Each structure stands twice: as structure tokens, then as C-alpha cells.
Protein backbone atom coordinates (compact mmCIF):
# COMPACT_ATOMS: atom_id res chain seq x y z
CA MET A 1 22.25 25.35 -10.10
CA THR A 2 19.22 23.11 -9.52
CA GLN A 3 17.98 22.02 -6.10
CA ASP A 4 19.17 18.46 -6.76
CA GLU A 5 22.70 19.67 -7.49
CA LEU A 6 22.66 21.84 -4.36
CA ARG A 7 21.44 18.90 -2.27
CA LYS A 8 24.25 16.69 -3.64
CA ARG A 9 26.82 19.34 -2.77
CA PHE A 10 25.30 19.69 0.74
CA ARG A 11 25.41 15.91 1.28
CA ALA A 12 29.04 15.78 0.14
CA TRP A 13 29.87 18.52 2.66
CA CYS A 14 28.07 16.56 5.43
CA ARG A 15 29.95 13.35 4.58
CA ALA A 16 33.28 15.22 4.67
CA ASN A 17 32.39 16.58 8.12
CA GLU A 18 31.56 13.07 9.36
CA ARG A 19 35.01 11.87 8.20
CA GLY A 20 36.63 14.59 10.29
CA GLU A 21 37.51 16.93 7.48
CA ARG A 22 36.46 20.55 7.92
CA PRO A 23 35.76 21.99 4.47
CA PRO A 24 34.15 25.43 4.33
CA PHE A 25 30.38 25.41 3.98
CA PRO A 26 29.39 25.94 0.33
CA PRO A 27 28.00 29.48 0.11
CA GLU A 28 25.46 28.50 -2.53
CA CYS A 29 23.87 26.07 -0.03
CA ARG A 30 23.13 28.78 2.55
CA ASP A 31 19.48 29.15 1.50
CA LEU A 32 18.86 25.45 0.86
CA ARG A 33 15.42 24.34 2.02
CA CYS A 34 13.92 20.90 2.61
CA GLY A 35 11.74 21.08 -0.49
CA ALA A 36 9.75 17.92 0.22
CA LYS A 37 6.15 17.96 -0.90
CA THR A 38 3.81 18.68 2.01
CA ARG A 39 0.24 17.44 2.41
CA ALA A 40 -0.96 20.77 1.05
CA GLY A 41 1.09 20.14 -2.10
CA THR A 42 3.53 22.99 -1.51
CA PRO A 43 7.29 22.54 -0.96
CA CYS A 44 8.48 22.41 2.65
CA LYS A 45 10.25 25.62 3.69
CA ARG A 46 12.20 24.35 6.70
CA ARG A 47 15.92 25.12 6.71
CA ASP A 48 17.11 22.79 9.53
CA LEU A 49 18.37 19.89 7.43
CA TYR A 50 19.86 16.52 8.24
CA ALA A 51 22.69 15.06 6.17
CA SER A 52 20.02 13.58 3.88
CA GLY A 53 19.13 17.09 2.81
CA ARG A 54 15.64 16.87 4.31
CA CYS A 55 14.19 18.25 7.53
CA LYS A 56 13.19 16.17 10.55
CA LEU A 57 9.60 15.98 9.33
CA HIS A 58 10.43 14.70 5.84
CA GLY A 59 13.27 12.24 6.18
CA GLY A 60 14.78 12.48 9.59
CA LEU A 61 16.15 9.68 11.69
CA SER A 62 14.50 6.27 11.57
CA THR A 63 12.19 5.20 14.38
CA GLY A 64 13.27 1.59 13.94
CA PRO A 65 11.65 -1.49 12.43
CA LYS A 66 7.89 -1.83 12.92
CA SER A 67 7.72 -5.55 12.15
CA GLY A 68 9.98 -8.50 11.66
CA PRO A 69 12.49 -10.23 13.91
CA ARG A 70 14.23 -7.00 15.02
CA ALA A 71 11.05 -5.17 15.97
CA LYS A 72 10.70 -4.41 19.65
CA ARG A 73 7.91 -6.44 21.19
CA PRO A 74 5.82 -4.85 23.93
CA GLU A 75 6.74 -5.99 27.41
CA PRO A 76 3.94 -7.54 29.48
CA PRO A 77 3.00 -5.30 32.39
CA THR A 78 4.51 -6.21 35.73
CA VAL A 79 1.88 -6.92 38.34
CA GLU A 80 2.64 -6.61 42.04
CA PRO A 81 0.57 -8.66 44.46
CA ARG A 82 -1.91 -6.60 46.44
CA GLY A 83 -1.57 -6.28 50.16
CA VAL A 84 2.16 -6.87 50.22
CA LEU A 85 4.48 -3.99 51.06
CA SER A 86 7.35 -3.72 48.72
CA VAL A 87 10.67 -2.71 50.15
């Protein structure tokens, strides 16, 4: 079985778990690795995978939009007046 077929089976198992079903973990997926190409050009060897079938370094959760209308704008710093005691 190729890595792509194993990853599809793993993702199907993850989706079933999210729906509340509890199928047994596929035994052929026990040694599944991330497999993404690293900067060195070798496949990633991490075994802690998200439902996407990749590790947190190569396809983890999104950090949110960087630009556009939904991007978080930086808040201006709050400045307290000097010489006034704040309660």
C-alpha cells in the first residue's frame, strides 16, 4: 500500500472519529509518518499527525489570515499620562 493510500485511510479514520464513531485504528497506519519534504530534501520523520496526515510543522493548524478584511490589525499602544496615579 502506498503512502498516499495510507494517508487517505488515516484521514477517513480521523473524519469518522470527528463524527463520533469509534472505528478501530487501522493497523497498517501505525507507522505512518508525515513524509513532507524538509528543507534538507529528506522526508519528515515525525509521527504526531493531524487529521490532514501531516505533522504540526508541515501542515498544522492555520495561524489565520495575514492580509485582507479579516486580518487582525495591530492595536495602537495605550498611553497613560505621566504623573497621574492610576487606581
